[in-house]
């Protein structure tokens, strides 16, 4: 089969590594995690919703934001 962008597998049933959103019907999107805000600089995310694996002080889908009750530039 010819798969949608960033979709893999013999029957196009999964996203490429570090991608999510198979059910969108448009192919999978890059997780694009902010590795400064993820555990052990992880680049993967949950395949269903794209949520990256954030440190406790970081938030947002890609871990680029300060979490509740944290302030300042998250990149410092």
PDB file of N, CA and C in Angstrom:
ATOM      1  N   UNK A   1       0.836  -1.192   0.000  1.00  0.00           N
ATOM      2  CA  UNK A   1       0.000   0.000   0.000  1.00  0.00           C
ATOM      3  C   UNK A   1       0.877   1.251   0.000  1.00  0.00           C
ATOM      4  N   UNK A   2       0.382   2.290  -0.578  1.00  0.00           N
ATOM      5  CA  UNK A   2       1.024   3.593  -0.460  1.00  0.00           C
ATOM      6  C   UNK A   2       0.338   4.288   0.715  1.00  0.00           C
ATOM      7  N   UNK A   3       1.131   4.574   1.733  1.00  0.00           N
ATOM      8  CA  UNK A   3       0.583   5.149   2.971  1.00  0.00           C
ATOM      9  C   UNK A   3       0.532   6.681   2.907  1.00  0.00           C
ATOM     10  N   UNK A   4      -0.302   7.241   3.777  1.00  0.00           N
ATOM     11  CA  UNK A   4      -0.335   8.692   3.957  1.00  0.00           C
ATOM     12  C   UNK A   4       1.000   9.145   4.545  1.00  0.00           C
ATOM     13  N   UNK A   5       1.299  10.446   4.539  1.00  0.00           N
ATOM     14  CA  UNK A   5       2.577  10.934   5.066  1.00  0.00           C
ATOM     15  C   UNK A   5       2.829  10.492   6.512  1.00  0.00           C
ATOM     16  N   UNK A   6       4.036   9.983   6.749  1.00  0.00           N
ATOM     17  CA  UNK A   6       4.520   9.565   8.067  1.00  0.00           C
ATOM     18  C   UNK A   6       3.756   8.387   8.672  1.00  0.00           C
ATOM     19  N   UNK A   7       3.060   7.637   7.829  1.00  0.00           N
ATOM     20  CA  UNK A   7       2.348   6.428   8.246  1.00  0.00           C
ATOM     21  C   UNK A   7       3.130   5.238   7.692  1.00  0.00           C
ATOM     22  N   UNK A   8       3.286   4.196   8.514  1.00  0.00           N
ATOM     23  CA  UNK A   8       4.069   3.025   8.119  1.00  0.00           C
ATOM     24  C   UNK A   8       3.304   1.740   8.400  1.00  0.00           C
ATOM     25  N   UNK A   9       3.888   0.649   7.998  1.00  0.00           N
ATOM     26  CA  UNK A   9       3.311  -0.669   8.217  1.00  0.00           C
ATOM     27  C   UNK A   9       2.807  -1.238   6.902  1.00  0.00           C
ATOM     28  N   UNK A  10       2.779  -2.556   6.836  1.00  0.00           N
ATOM     29  CA  UNK A  10       2.363  -3.222   5.606  1.00  0.00           C
ATOM     30  C   UNK A  10       0.958  -2.799   5.191  1.00  0.00           C
ATOM     31  N   UNK A  11       0.112  -2.509   6.178  1.00  0.00           N
ATOM     32  CA  UNK A  11      -1.260  -2.086   5.875  1.00  0.00           C
ATOM     33  C   UNK A  11      -1.512  -0.647   6.335  1.00  0.00           C
ATOM     34  N   UNK A  12      -0.423   0.130   6.502  1.00  0.00           N
ATOM     35  CA  UNK A  12      -0.531   1.550   6.872  1.00  0.00           C
ATOM     36  C   UNK A  12      -1.324   1.736   8.163  1.00  0.00           C
ATOM     37  N   UNK A  13      -0.914   1.011   9.206  1.00  0.00           N
ATOM     38  CA  UNK A  13      -1.696   1.010  10.444  1.00  0.00           C
ATOM     39  C   UNK A  13      -1.002   1.679  11.629  1.00  0.00           C
ATOM     40  N   UNK A  14       0.150   2.329  11.420  1.00  0.00           N
ATOM     41  CA  UNK A  14       0.807   2.988  12.548  1.00  0.00           C
ATOM     42  C   UNK A  14       1.613   4.200  12.074  1.00  0.00           C
ATOM     43  N   UNK A  15       1.859   5.086  13.014  1.00  0.00           N
ATOM     44  CA  UNK A  15       2.661   6.273  12.730  1.00  0.00           C
ATOM     45  C   UNK A  15       4.150   5.931  12.794  1.00  0.00           C
ATOM     46  N   UNK A  16       4.936   6.665  12.017  1.00  0.00           N
ATOM     47  CA  UNK A  16       6.387   6.559  12.129  1.00  0.00           C
ATOM     48  C   UNK A  16       6.802   6.918  13.553  1.00  0.00           C
ATOM     49  N   UNK A  17       7.997   6.503  13.933  1.00  0.00           N
ATOM     50  CA  UNK A  17       8.554   6.849  15.235  1.00  0.00           C
ATOM     51  C   UNK A  17       8.539   8.370  15.411  1.00  0.00           C
ATOM     52  N   UNK A  18       8.179   8.845  16.601  1.00  0.00           N
ATOM     53  CA  UNK A  18       8.113  10.268  16.945  1.00  0.00           C
ATOM     54  C   UNK A  18       7.034  11.024  16.177  1.00  0.00           C
ATOM     55  N   UNK A  19       5.935  10.339  15.841  1.00  0.00           N
ATOM     56  CA  UNK A  19       4.802  10.954  15.151  1.00  0.00           C
ATOM     57  C   UNK A  19       3.507  10.493  15.817  1.00  0.00           C
ATOM     58  N   UNK A  20       2.417  11.212  15.553  1.00  0.00           N
ATOM     59  CA  UNK A  20       1.119  10.886  16.161  1.00  0.00           C
ATOM     60  C   UNK A  20      -0.023  11.289  15.233  1.00  0.00           C
ATOM     61  N   UNK A  21      -1.221  10.835  15.557  1.00  0.00           N
ATOM     62  CA  UNK A  21      -2.426  11.281  14.871  1.00  0.00           C
ATOM     63  C   UNK A  21      -2.857  10.429  13.698  1.00  0.00           C
ATOM     64  N   UNK A  22      -2.705   9.143  13.794  1.00  0.00           N
ATOM     65  CA  UNK A  22      -3.062   8.252  12.698  1.00  0.00           C
ATOM     66  C   UNK A  22      -4.516   8.414  12.260  1.00  0.00           C
ATOM     67  N   UNK A  23      -5.399   8.663  13.202  1.00  0.00           N
ATOM     68  CA  UNK A  23      -6.829   8.710  12.876  1.00  0.00           C
ATOM     69  C   UNK A  23      -7.259  10.013  12.212  1.00  0.00           C
ATOM     70  N   UNK A  24      -6.335  10.932  11.987  1.00  0.00           N
ATOM     71  CA  UNK A  24      -6.702  12.220  11.376  1.00  0.00           C
ATOM     72  C   UNK A  24      -7.143  12.069   9.922  1.00  0.00           C
ATOM     73  N   UNK A  25      -6.717  10.986   9.269  1.00  0.00           N
ATOM     74  CA  UNK A  25      -7.041  10.797   7.866  1.00  0.00           C
ATOM     75  C   UNK A  25      -6.140  11.595   6.934  1.00  0.00           C
ATOM     76  N   UNK A  26      -5.174  12.316   7.508  1.00  0.00           N
ATOM     77  CA  UNK A  26      -4.256  13.138   6.716  1.00  0.00           C
ATOM     78  C   UNK A  26      -2.806  12.693   6.873  1.00  0.00           C
ATOM     79  N   UNK A  27      -2.578  11.620   7.575  1.00  0.00           N
ATOM     80  CA  UNK A  27      -1.228  11.181   7.878  1.00  0.00           C
ATOM     81  C   UNK A  27      -0.867  11.590   9.291  1.00  0.00           C
ATOM     82  N   UNK A  28       0.317  11.224   9.730  1.00  0.00           N
ATOM     83  CA  UNK A  28       0.752  11.496  11.101  1.00  0.00           C
ATOM     84  C   UNK A  28       1.602  12.763  11.161  1.00  0.00           C
ATOM     85  N   UNK A  29       1.515  13.459  12.295  1.00  0.00           N
ATOM     86  CA  UNK A  29       2.261  14.694  12.528  1.00  0.00           C
ATOM     87  C   UNK A  29       3.470  14.422  13.414  1.00  0.00           C
ATOM     88  N   UNK A  30       4.488  15.240  13.265  1.00  0.00           N
ATOM     89  CA  UNK A  30       5.698  15.146  14.083  1.00  0.00           C
ATOM     90  C   UNK A  30       5.359  15.492  15.532  1.00  0.00           C
ATOM     91  N   UNK A  31       5.869  14.709  16.494  1.00  0.00           N
ATOM     92  CA  UNK A  31       5.647  15.008  17.913  1.00  0.00           C
ATOM     93  C   UNK A  31       6.220  16.382  18.265  1.00  0.00           C
ATOM     94  N   UNK A  32       7.367  16.704  17.720  1.00  0.00           N
ATOM     95  CA  UNK A  32       8.001  18.010  17.913  1.00  0.00           C
ATOM     96  C   UNK A  32       8.098  18.387  19.393  1.00  0.00           C
ATOM     97  N   UNK A  33       8.527  17.445  20.230  1.00  0.00           N
ATOM     98  CA  UNK A  33       8.666  17.683  21.668  1.00  0.00           C
ATOM     99  C   UNK A  33       9.847  18.612  21.946  1.00  0.00           C
ATOM    100  N   UNK A  34       9.679  19.493  22.911  1.00  0.00           N
ATOM    101  CA  UNK A  34      10.773  20.343  23.388  1.00  0.00           C
ATOM    102  C   UNK A  34      11.606  19.481  24.332  1.00  0.00           C
ATOM    103  N   UNK A  35      12.710  18.973  23.866  1.00  0.00           N
ATOM    104  CA  UNK A  35      13.498  18.017  24.645  1.00  0.00           C
ATOM    105  C   UNK A  35      14.063  18.609  25.926  1.00  0.00           C
ATOM    106  N   UNK A  36      14.123  19.928  26.044  1.00  0.00           N
ATOM    107  CA  UNK A  36      14.550  20.536  27.310  1.00  0.00           C
ATOM    108  C   UNK A  36      13.486  20.342  28.387  1.00  0.00           C
ATOM    109  N   UNK A  37      12.261  20.055  27.981  1.00  0.00           N
ATOM    110  CA  UNK A  37      11.165  19.896  28.929  1.00  0.00           C
ATOM    111  C   UNK A  37      10.655  18.477  29.063  1.00  0.00           C
ATOM    112  N   UNK A  38      11.337  17.503  28.441  1.00  0.00           N
ATOM    113  CA  UNK A  38      10.883  16.119  28.526  1.00  0.00           C
ATOM    114  C   UNK A  38      11.816  15.284  29.392  1.00  0.00           C
ATOM    115  N   UNK A  39      11.282  14.170  29.906  1.00  0.00           N
ATOM    116  CA  UNK A  39      12.103  13.227  30.663  1.00  0.00           C
ATOM    117  C   UNK A  39      13.199  12.674  29.762  1.00  0.00           C
ATOM    118  N   UNK A  40      14.424  12.739  30.229  1.00  0.00           N
ATOM    119  CA  UNK A  40      15.567  12.162  29.523  1.00  0.00           C
ATOM    120  C   UNK A  40      15.630  12.577  28.055  1.00  0.00           C
ATOM    121  N   UNK A  41      15.216  13.808  27.764  1.00  0.00           N
ATOM    122  CA  UNK A  41      15.255  14.363  26.406  1.00  0.00           C
ATOM    123  C   UNK A  41      14.493  13.506  25.393  1.00  0.00           C
ATOM    124  N   UNK A  42      13.392  12.944  25.823  1.00  0.00           N
ATOM    125  CA  UNK A  42      12.598  12.078  24.947  1.00  0.00           C
ATOM    126  C   UNK A  42      11.997  12.881  23.794  1.00  0.00           C
ATOM    127  N   UNK A  43      11.916  12.264  22.644  1.00  0.00           N
ATOM    128  CA  UNK A  43      11.345  12.903  21.463  1.00  0.00           C
ATOM    129  C   UNK A  43      10.023  12.256  21.051  1.00  0.00           C
ATOM    130  N   UNK A  44       9.640  11.171  21.743  1.00  0.00           N
ATOM    131  CA  UNK A  44       8.396  10.483  21.392  1.00  0.00           C
ATOM    132  C   UNK A  44       7.216  11.074  22.148  1.00  0.00           C
ATOM    133  N   UNK A  45       6.029  10.751  21.671  1.00  0.00           N
ATOM    134  CA  UNK A  45       4.805  11.235  22.303  1.00  0.00           C
ATOM    135  C   UNK A  45       3.750  10.138  22.225  1.00  0.00           C
ATOM    136  N   UNK A  46       2.628  10.363  22.914  1.00  0.00           N
ATOM    137  CA  UNK A  46       1.538   9.397  22.850  1.00  0.00           C
ATOM    138  C   UNK A  46       0.951   9.424  21.441  1.00  0.00           C
ATOM    139  N   UNK A  47       0.821   8.272  20.804  1.00  0.00           N
ATOM    140  CA  UNK A  47       0.375   8.231  19.407  1.00  0.00           C
ATOM    141  C   UNK A  47      -1.041   8.745  19.189  1.00  0.00           C
ATOM    142  N   UNK A  48      -1.878   8.700  20.200  1.00  0.00           N
ATOM    143  CA  UNK A  48      -3.271   9.123  20.018  1.00  0.00           C
ATOM    144  C   UNK A  48      -3.447  10.637  20.039  1.00  0.00           C
ATOM    145  N   UNK A  49      -2.731  11.337  20.940  1.00  0.00           N
ATOM    146  CA  UNK A  49      -2.979  12.777  21.094  1.00  0.00           C
ATOM    147  C   UNK A  49      -1.733  13.645  20.953  1.00  0.00           C
ATOM    148  N   UNK A  50      -0.558  13.045  20.801  1.00  0.00           N
ATOM    149  CA  UNK A  50       0.660  13.828  20.601  1.00  0.00           C
ATOM    150  C   UNK A  50       1.259  14.420  21.858  1.00  0.00           C
ATOM    151  N   UNK A  51       0.726  14.086  23.024  1.00  0.00           N
ATOM    152  CA  UNK A  51       1.259  14.618  24.275  1.00  0.00           C
ATOM    153  C   UNK A  51       2.647  14.047  24.528  1.00  0.00           C
ATOM    154  N   UNK A  52       3.614  14.957  24.708  1.00  0.00           N
ATOM    155  CA  UNK A  52       4.986  14.546  25.003  1.00  0.00           C
ATOM    156  C   UNK A  52       5.105  14.198  26.486  1.00  0.00           C
ATOM    157  N   UNK A  53       6.189  13.582  26.876  1.00  0.00           N
ATOM    158  CA  UNK A  53       6.416  13.117  28.251  1.00  0.00           C
ATOM    159  C   UNK A  53       7.137  14.221  29.031  1.00  0.00           C
ATOM    160  N   UNK A  54       6.368  15.155  29.589  1.00  0.00           N
ATOM    161  CA  UNK A  54       6.906  16.368  30.214  1.00  0.00           C
ATOM    162  C   UNK A  54       7.459  16.140  31.624  1.00  0.00           C
ATOM    163  N   UNK A  55       8.455  16.941  31.952  1.00  0.00           N
ATOM    164  CA  UNK A  55       8.935  17.037  33.331  1.00  0.00           C
ATOM    165  C   UNK A  55       7.835  17.655  34.179  1.00  0.00           C
ATOM    166  N   UNK A  56       7.844  17.465  35.517  1.00  0.00           N
ATOM    167  CA  UNK A  56       6.777  17.996  36.364  1.00  0.00           C
ATOM    168  C   UNK A  56       6.596  19.509  36.252  1.00  0.00           C
ATOM    169  N   UNK A  57       7.654  20.254  35.984  1.00  0.00           N
ATOM    170  CA  UNK A  57       7.547  21.710  35.918  1.00  0.00           C
ATOM    171  C   UNK A  57       7.163  22.221  34.539  1.00  0.00           C
ATOM    172  N   UNK A  58       7.062  21.334  33.560  1.00  0.00           N
ATOM    173  CA  UNK A  58       6.768  21.743  32.190  1.00  0.00           C
ATOM    174  C   UNK A  58       5.414  21.240  31.758  1.00  0.00           C
ATOM    175  N   UNK A  59       4.783  21.960  30.829  1.00  0.00           N
ATOM    176  CA  UNK A  59       3.463  21.577  30.365  1.00  0.00           C
ATOM    177  C   UNK A  59       3.262  21.886  28.900  1.00  0.00           C
ATOM    178  N   UNK A  60       2.009  21.824  28.480  1.00  0.00           N
ATOM    179  CA  UNK A  60       1.676  21.975  27.075  1.00  0.00           C
ATOM    180  C   UNK A  60       1.869  20.661  26.357  1.00  0.00           C
ATOM    181  N   UNK A  61       1.312  20.535  25.175  1.00  0.00           N
ATOM    182  CA  UNK A  61       1.423  19.289  24.432  1.00  0.00           C
ATOM    183  C   UNK A  61       2.871  18.917  24.164  1.00  0.00           C
ATOM    184  N   UNK A  62       3.706  19.930  23.866  1.00  0.00           N
ATOM    185  CA  UNK A  62       5.093  19.643  23.497  1.00  0.00           C
ATOM    186  C   UNK A  62       6.102  19.930  24.607  1.00  0.00           C
ATOM    187  N   UNK A  63       5.638  20.227  25.829  1.00  0.00           N
ATOM    188  CA  UNK A  63       6.484  20.470  27.008  1.00  0.00           C
ATOM    189  C   UNK A  63       7.297  21.767  26.904  1.00  0.00           C
ATOM    190  N   UNK A  64       6.814  22.719  26.153  1.00  0.00           N
ATOM    191  CA  UNK A  64       7.549  23.976  25.977  1.00  0.00           C
ATOM    192  C   UNK A  64       7.050  25.092  26.895  1.00  0.00           C
ATOM    193  N   UNK A  65       6.051  24.812  27.720  1.00  0.00           N
ATOM    194  CA  UNK A  65       5.458  25.830  28.578  1.00  0.00           C
ATOM    195  C   UNK A  65       5.715  25.516  30.048  1.00  0.00           C
ATOM    196  N   UNK A  66       5.641  26.554  30.880  1.00  0.00           N
ATOM    197  CA  UNK A  66       5.695  26.342  32.327  1.00  0.00           C
ATOM    198  C   UNK A  66       4.382  25.709  32.771  1.00  0.00           C
ATOM    199  N   UNK A  67       4.450  24.784  33.691  1.00  0.00           N
ATOM    200  CA  UNK A  67       3.263  24.159  34.241  1.00  0.00           C
ATOM    201  C   UNK A  67       2.650  25.080  35.293  1.00  0.00           C
ATOM    202  N   UNK A  68       1.447  24.771  35.735  1.00  0.00           N
ATOM    203  CA  UNK A  68       0.796  25.557  36.780  1.00  0.00           C
ATOM    204  C   UNK A  68       1.710  25.693  37.994  1.00  0.00           C
ATOM    205  N   UNK A  69       1.725  26.863  38.580  1.00  0.00           N
ATOM    206  CA  UNK A  69       2.497  27.187  39.778  1.00  0.00           C
ATOM    207  C   UNK A  69       4.005  27.231  39.529  1.00  0.00           C
ATOM    208  N   UNK A  70       4.431  27.330  38.267  1.00  0.00           N
ATOM    209  CA  UNK A  70       5.823  27.516  37.894  1.00  0.00           C
ATOM    210  C   UNK A  70       5.890  28.782  37.036  1.00  0.00           C
ATOM    211  N   UNK A  71       6.994  29.475  37.078  1.00  0.00           N
ATOM    212  CA  UNK A  71       7.100  30.724  36.324  1.00  0.00           C
ATOM    213  C   UNK A  71       8.498  30.869  35.768  1.00  0.00           C
ATOM    214  N   UNK A  72       8.662  31.835  34.885  1.00  0.00           N
ATOM    215  CA  UNK A  72       9.953  32.133  34.290  1.00  0.00           C
ATOM    216  C   UNK A  72      10.105  31.520  32.923  1.00  0.00           C
ATOM    217  N   UNK A  73      11.231  31.743  32.328  1.00  0.00           N
ATOM    218  CA  UNK A  73      11.523  31.189  31.019  1.00  0.00           C
ATOM    219  C   UNK A  73      11.827  29.703  31.176  1.00  0.00           C
ATOM    220  N   UNK A  74      11.011  28.808  30.598  1.00  0.00           N
ATOM    221  CA  UNK A  74      11.258  27.379  30.792  1.00  0.00           C
ATOM    222  C   UNK A  74      12.547  26.898  30.146  1.00  0.00           C
ATOM    223  N   UNK A  75      13.175  27.711  29.319  1.00  0.00           N
ATOM    224  CA  UNK A  75      14.418  27.301  28.658  1.00  0.00           C
ATOM    225  C   UNK A  75      15.667  27.697  29.429  1.00  0.00           C
ATOM    226  N   UNK A  76      15.505  28.295  30.615  1.00  0.00           N
ATOM    227  CA  UNK A  76      16.670  28.683  31.416  1.00  0.00           C
ATOM    228  C   UNK A  76      16.904  27.647  32.496  1.00  0.00           C
TER     229      UNK A  76
END
